[in-house]
Amino acid sequence: MVKEGLVTRERDKDDRRKFCISLTEHGRALEAELMHYPAYINRVAQEGIDQADVDLCLSVLSRMSDNLATAFEKQERVPDVIE
């Protein structure tokens, strides 16, 4: 995406391990043009599913993501034996 001129990638000034990714003007133009697609896909995917179920699913996935992020931040290694 950097090569295509859609985003810029710069090191975070406070944490050199991280990168800041930003849309370029060209990327912003495409974003405006294309953002209706994810909204449509989400609408189709959620069709016939109660909003409460969607919200629960997103909440569980978010918590799982947080658990993984915390484990990686602590740089825990994968156990040799998975219980």
N, C-alpha and C. Protein backbone atom coordinates (compact mmCIF):
# COMPACT_ATOMS: atom_id res chain seq x y z
N MET A 1 0.81 -1.19 0.00
CA MET A 1 0.00 0.00 0.00
C MET A 1 0.86 1.26 0.00
N VAL A 2 2.03 1.15 0.62
CA VAL A 2 2.96 2.27 0.57
C VAL A 2 3.43 2.49 -0.87
N LYS A 3 3.78 1.38 -1.54
CA LYS A 3 4.26 1.48 -2.92
C LYS A 3 3.21 2.07 -3.85
N GLU A 4 1.94 1.78 -3.57
CA GLU A 4 0.86 2.29 -4.41
C GLU A 4 0.49 3.74 -4.07
N GLY A 5 1.13 4.29 -3.02
CA GLY A 5 0.85 5.67 -2.64
C GLY A 5 -0.45 5.85 -1.88
N LEU A 6 -0.93 4.77 -1.26
CA LEU A 6 -2.17 4.85 -0.51
C LEU A 6 -1.96 5.23 0.95
N VAL A 7 -0.81 4.84 1.51
CA VAL A 7 -0.50 5.14 2.91
C VAL A 7 0.96 5.54 3.05
N THR A 8 1.23 6.22 4.16
CA THR A 8 2.61 6.47 4.55
C THR A 8 2.87 5.64 5.80
N ARG A 9 4.11 5.30 6.01
CA ARG A 9 4.50 4.47 7.16
C ARG A 9 5.71 5.13 7.81
N GLU A 10 5.53 5.59 9.05
CA GLU A 10 6.62 6.25 9.77
C GLU A 10 6.75 5.64 11.16
N ARG A 11 7.97 5.59 11.64
CA ARG A 11 8.21 5.08 13.00
C ARG A 11 7.57 6.02 14.02
N ASP A 12 7.03 5.43 15.06
CA ASP A 12 6.48 6.21 16.17
C ASP A 12 7.63 6.90 16.89
N LYS A 13 7.51 8.18 17.13
CA LYS A 13 8.61 8.92 17.76
C LYS A 13 8.82 8.54 19.22
N ASP A 14 7.76 8.01 19.88
CA ASP A 14 7.89 7.64 21.28
C ASP A 14 8.28 6.17 21.49
N ASP A 15 7.94 5.34 20.53
CA ASP A 15 8.25 3.91 20.63
C ASP A 15 8.72 3.44 19.25
N ARG A 16 10.02 3.33 19.07
CA ARG A 16 10.61 3.03 17.77
C ARG A 16 10.23 1.64 17.24
N ARG A 17 9.62 0.81 18.08
CA ARG A 17 9.17 -0.50 17.61
C ARG A 17 7.87 -0.40 16.82
N LYS A 18 7.15 0.69 17.02
CA LYS A 18 5.84 0.86 16.39
C LYS A 18 5.95 1.73 15.15
N PHE A 19 4.96 1.57 14.29
CA PHE A 19 4.84 2.41 13.09
C PHE A 19 3.51 3.14 13.12
N CYS A 20 3.51 4.34 12.60
CA CYS A 20 2.28 5.10 12.39
C CYS A 20 1.92 5.00 10.91
N ILE A 21 0.75 4.49 10.63
CA ILE A 21 0.28 4.33 9.26
C ILE A 21 -0.79 5.39 9.02
N SER A 22 -0.64 6.17 7.95
CA SER A 22 -1.60 7.22 7.64
C SER A 22 -1.98 7.15 6.17
N LEU A 23 -3.23 7.51 5.89
CA LEU A 23 -3.68 7.58 4.51
C LEU A 23 -3.09 8.80 3.82
N THR A 24 -2.72 8.64 2.57
CA THR A 24 -2.30 9.77 1.75
C THR A 24 -3.56 10.41 1.16
N GLU A 25 -3.40 11.50 0.43
CA GLU A 25 -4.55 12.11 -0.24
C GLU A 25 -5.22 11.10 -1.16
N HIS A 26 -4.39 10.38 -1.91
CA HIS A 26 -4.92 9.37 -2.82
C HIS A 26 -5.68 8.29 -2.05
N GLY A 27 -5.14 7.87 -0.92
CA GLY A 27 -5.80 6.88 -0.08
C GLY A 27 -7.12 7.38 0.47
N ARG A 28 -7.16 8.65 0.88
CA ARG A 28 -8.40 9.23 1.38
C ARG A 28 -9.46 9.29 0.27
N ALA A 29 -9.04 9.61 -0.94
CA ALA A 29 -9.98 9.65 -2.06
C ALA A 29 -10.59 8.27 -2.30
N LEU A 30 -9.75 7.25 -2.26
CA LEU A 30 -10.26 5.89 -2.44
C LEU A 30 -11.15 5.46 -1.28
N GLU A 31 -10.78 5.89 -0.08
CA GLU A 31 -11.59 5.54 1.09
C GLU A 31 -13.02 6.06 0.90
N ALA A 32 -13.15 7.31 0.49
CA ALA A 32 -14.48 7.87 0.29
C ALA A 32 -15.25 7.10 -0.78
N GLU A 33 -14.55 6.65 -1.78
CA GLU A 33 -15.17 5.94 -2.90
C GLU A 33 -15.57 4.51 -2.52
N LEU A 34 -14.81 3.88 -1.63
CA LEU A 34 -14.98 2.45 -1.38
C LEU A 34 -15.65 2.08 -0.05
N MET A 35 -15.81 3.01 0.87
CA MET A 35 -16.30 2.67 2.21
C MET A 35 -17.71 2.11 2.24
N HIS A 36 -18.49 2.31 1.19
CA HIS A 36 -19.84 1.74 1.20
C HIS A 36 -19.80 0.21 1.08
N TYR A 37 -18.71 -0.34 0.54
CA TYR A 37 -18.62 -1.80 0.40
C TYR A 37 -18.58 -2.52 1.74
N PRO A 38 -17.73 -2.12 2.69
CA PRO A 38 -17.75 -2.83 3.98
C PRO A 38 -19.10 -2.71 4.70
N ALA A 39 -19.75 -1.55 4.58
CA ALA A 39 -21.06 -1.39 5.21
C ALA A 39 -22.05 -2.38 4.61
N TYR A 40 -22.02 -2.53 3.30
CA TYR A 40 -22.91 -3.48 2.62
C TYR A 40 -22.60 -4.91 3.06
N ILE A 41 -21.32 -5.26 3.08
CA ILE A 41 -20.92 -6.62 3.46
C ILE A 41 -21.35 -6.91 4.89
N ASN A 42 -21.18 -5.95 5.80
CA ASN A 42 -21.62 -6.14 7.18
C ASN A 42 -23.13 -6.35 7.26
N ARG A 43 -23.88 -5.56 6.49
CA ARG A 43 -25.33 -5.69 6.48
C ARG A 43 -25.75 -7.10 6.02
N VAL A 44 -25.11 -7.58 4.95
CA VAL A 44 -25.44 -8.92 4.43
C VAL A 44 -25.05 -9.99 5.46
N ALA A 45 -23.87 -9.87 6.05
CA ALA A 45 -23.38 -10.87 7.01
C ALA A 45 -24.28 -10.96 8.25
N GLN A 46 -24.84 -9.83 8.66
CA GLN A 46 -25.64 -9.79 9.88
C GLN A 46 -27.13 -10.02 9.64
N GLU A 47 -27.50 -10.23 8.40
CA GLU A 47 -28.91 -10.42 8.07
C GLU A 47 -29.50 -11.61 8.83
N GLY A 48 -30.62 -11.39 9.48
CA GLY A 48 -31.31 -12.45 10.21
C GLY A 48 -30.71 -12.74 11.58
N ILE A 49 -29.72 -11.99 12.00
CA ILE A 49 -29.09 -12.19 13.30
C ILE A 49 -29.48 -11.02 14.20
N ASP A 50 -29.99 -11.33 15.39
CA ASP A 50 -30.37 -10.28 16.33
C ASP A 50 -29.17 -9.40 16.66
N GLN A 51 -29.42 -8.12 16.80
CA GLN A 51 -28.34 -7.18 17.13
C GLN A 51 -27.65 -7.54 18.44
N ALA A 52 -28.43 -8.06 19.40
CA ALA A 52 -27.83 -8.47 20.68
C ALA A 52 -26.80 -9.57 20.47
N ASP A 53 -27.07 -10.50 19.55
CA ASP A 53 -26.12 -11.58 19.25
C ASP A 53 -24.88 -11.03 18.56
N VAL A 54 -25.07 -10.09 17.64
CA VAL A 54 -23.93 -9.45 16.98
C VAL A 54 -23.07 -8.73 18.00
N ASP A 55 -23.72 -7.98 18.90
CA ASP A 55 -22.99 -7.24 19.92
C ASP A 55 -22.22 -8.17 20.84
N LEU A 56 -22.84 -9.29 21.23
CA LEU A 56 -22.16 -10.27 22.08
C LEU A 56 -20.95 -10.85 21.37
N CYS A 57 -21.11 -11.20 20.11
CA CYS A 57 -20.01 -11.76 19.32
C CYS A 57 -18.85 -10.77 19.26
N LEU A 58 -19.15 -9.52 18.94
CA LEU A 58 -18.10 -8.50 18.85
C LEU A 58 -17.42 -8.29 20.20
N SER A 59 -18.20 -8.34 21.27
CA SER A 59 -17.63 -8.18 22.62
C SER A 59 -16.67 -9.32 22.94
N VAL A 60 -17.07 -10.55 22.64
CA VAL A 60 -16.21 -11.71 22.91
C VAL A 60 -14.95 -11.64 22.07
N LEU A 61 -15.08 -11.33 20.79
CA LEU A 61 -13.91 -11.23 19.92
C LEU A 61 -12.97 -10.12 20.39
N SER A 62 -13.52 -9.02 20.85
CA SER A 62 -12.69 -7.92 21.36
C SER A 62 -11.92 -8.36 22.60
N ARG A 63 -12.58 -9.08 23.50
CA ARG A 63 -11.90 -9.56 24.71
C ARG A 63 -10.81 -10.56 24.35
N MET A 64 -11.09 -11.43 23.37
CA MET A 64 -10.07 -12.39 22.94
C MET A 64 -8.86 -11.66 22.35
N SER A 65 -9.12 -10.63 21.57
CA SER A 65 -8.05 -9.83 20.99
C SER A 65 -7.23 -9.16 22.09
N ASP A 66 -7.92 -8.62 23.10
CA ASP A 66 -7.23 -7.99 24.23
C ASP A 66 -6.35 -9.00 24.96
N ASN A 67 -6.88 -10.22 25.17
CA ASN A 67 -6.10 -11.27 25.84
C ASN A 67 -4.82 -11.57 25.07
N LEU A 68 -4.94 -11.69 23.76
CA LEU A 68 -3.76 -11.98 22.93
C LEU A 68 -2.77 -10.82 22.95
N ALA A 69 -3.28 -9.60 22.86
CA ALA A 69 -2.40 -8.43 22.89
C ALA A 69 -1.64 -8.37 24.21
N THR A 70 -2.33 -8.64 25.31
CA THR A 70 -1.68 -8.62 26.63
C THR A 70 -0.60 -9.70 26.71
N ALA A 71 -0.90 -10.89 26.22
CA ALA A 71 0.08 -11.97 26.25
C ALA A 71 1.31 -11.61 25.42
N PHE A 72 1.11 -11.03 24.25
CA PHE A 72 2.24 -10.66 23.41
C PHE A 72 3.04 -9.50 24.00
N GLU A 73 2.34 -8.56 24.65
CA GLU A 73 3.05 -7.45 25.29
C GLU A 73 3.96 -7.97 26.41
N LYS A 74 3.48 -8.98 27.12
CA LYS A 74 4.28 -9.59 28.18
C LYS A 74 5.35 -10.50 27.60
N GLN A 75 5.28 -10.70 26.29
CA GLN A 75 6.20 -11.57 25.56
C GLN A 75 6.22 -12.97 26.16
N GLU A 76 5.01 -13.41 26.51
CA GLU A 76 4.90 -14.78 27.00
C GLU A 76 5.18 -15.73 25.84
N ARG A 77 5.88 -16.78 26.11
CA ARG A 77 6.15 -17.73 25.06
C ARG A 77 5.03 -18.77 25.03
N VAL A 78 4.88 -19.38 23.90
CA VAL A 78 3.88 -20.44 23.75
C VAL A 78 4.35 -21.64 24.55
N PRO A 79 3.46 -22.20 25.38
CA PRO A 79 3.88 -23.36 26.16
C PRO A 79 4.19 -24.55 25.24
N ASP A 80 5.10 -25.42 25.72
CA ASP A 80 5.45 -26.61 24.96
C ASP A 80 4.27 -27.56 24.84
N VAL A 81 3.45 -27.60 25.88
CA VAL A 81 2.29 -28.47 25.89
C VAL A 81 1.07 -27.59 26.08
N ILE A 82 0.13 -27.72 25.18
CA ILE A 82 -1.11 -26.96 25.29
C ILE A 82 -2.13 -27.81 26.02
N GLU A 83 -2.67 -27.24 27.09
CA GLU A 83 -3.62 -28.00 27.92
C GLU A 83 -5.01 -27.88 27.39
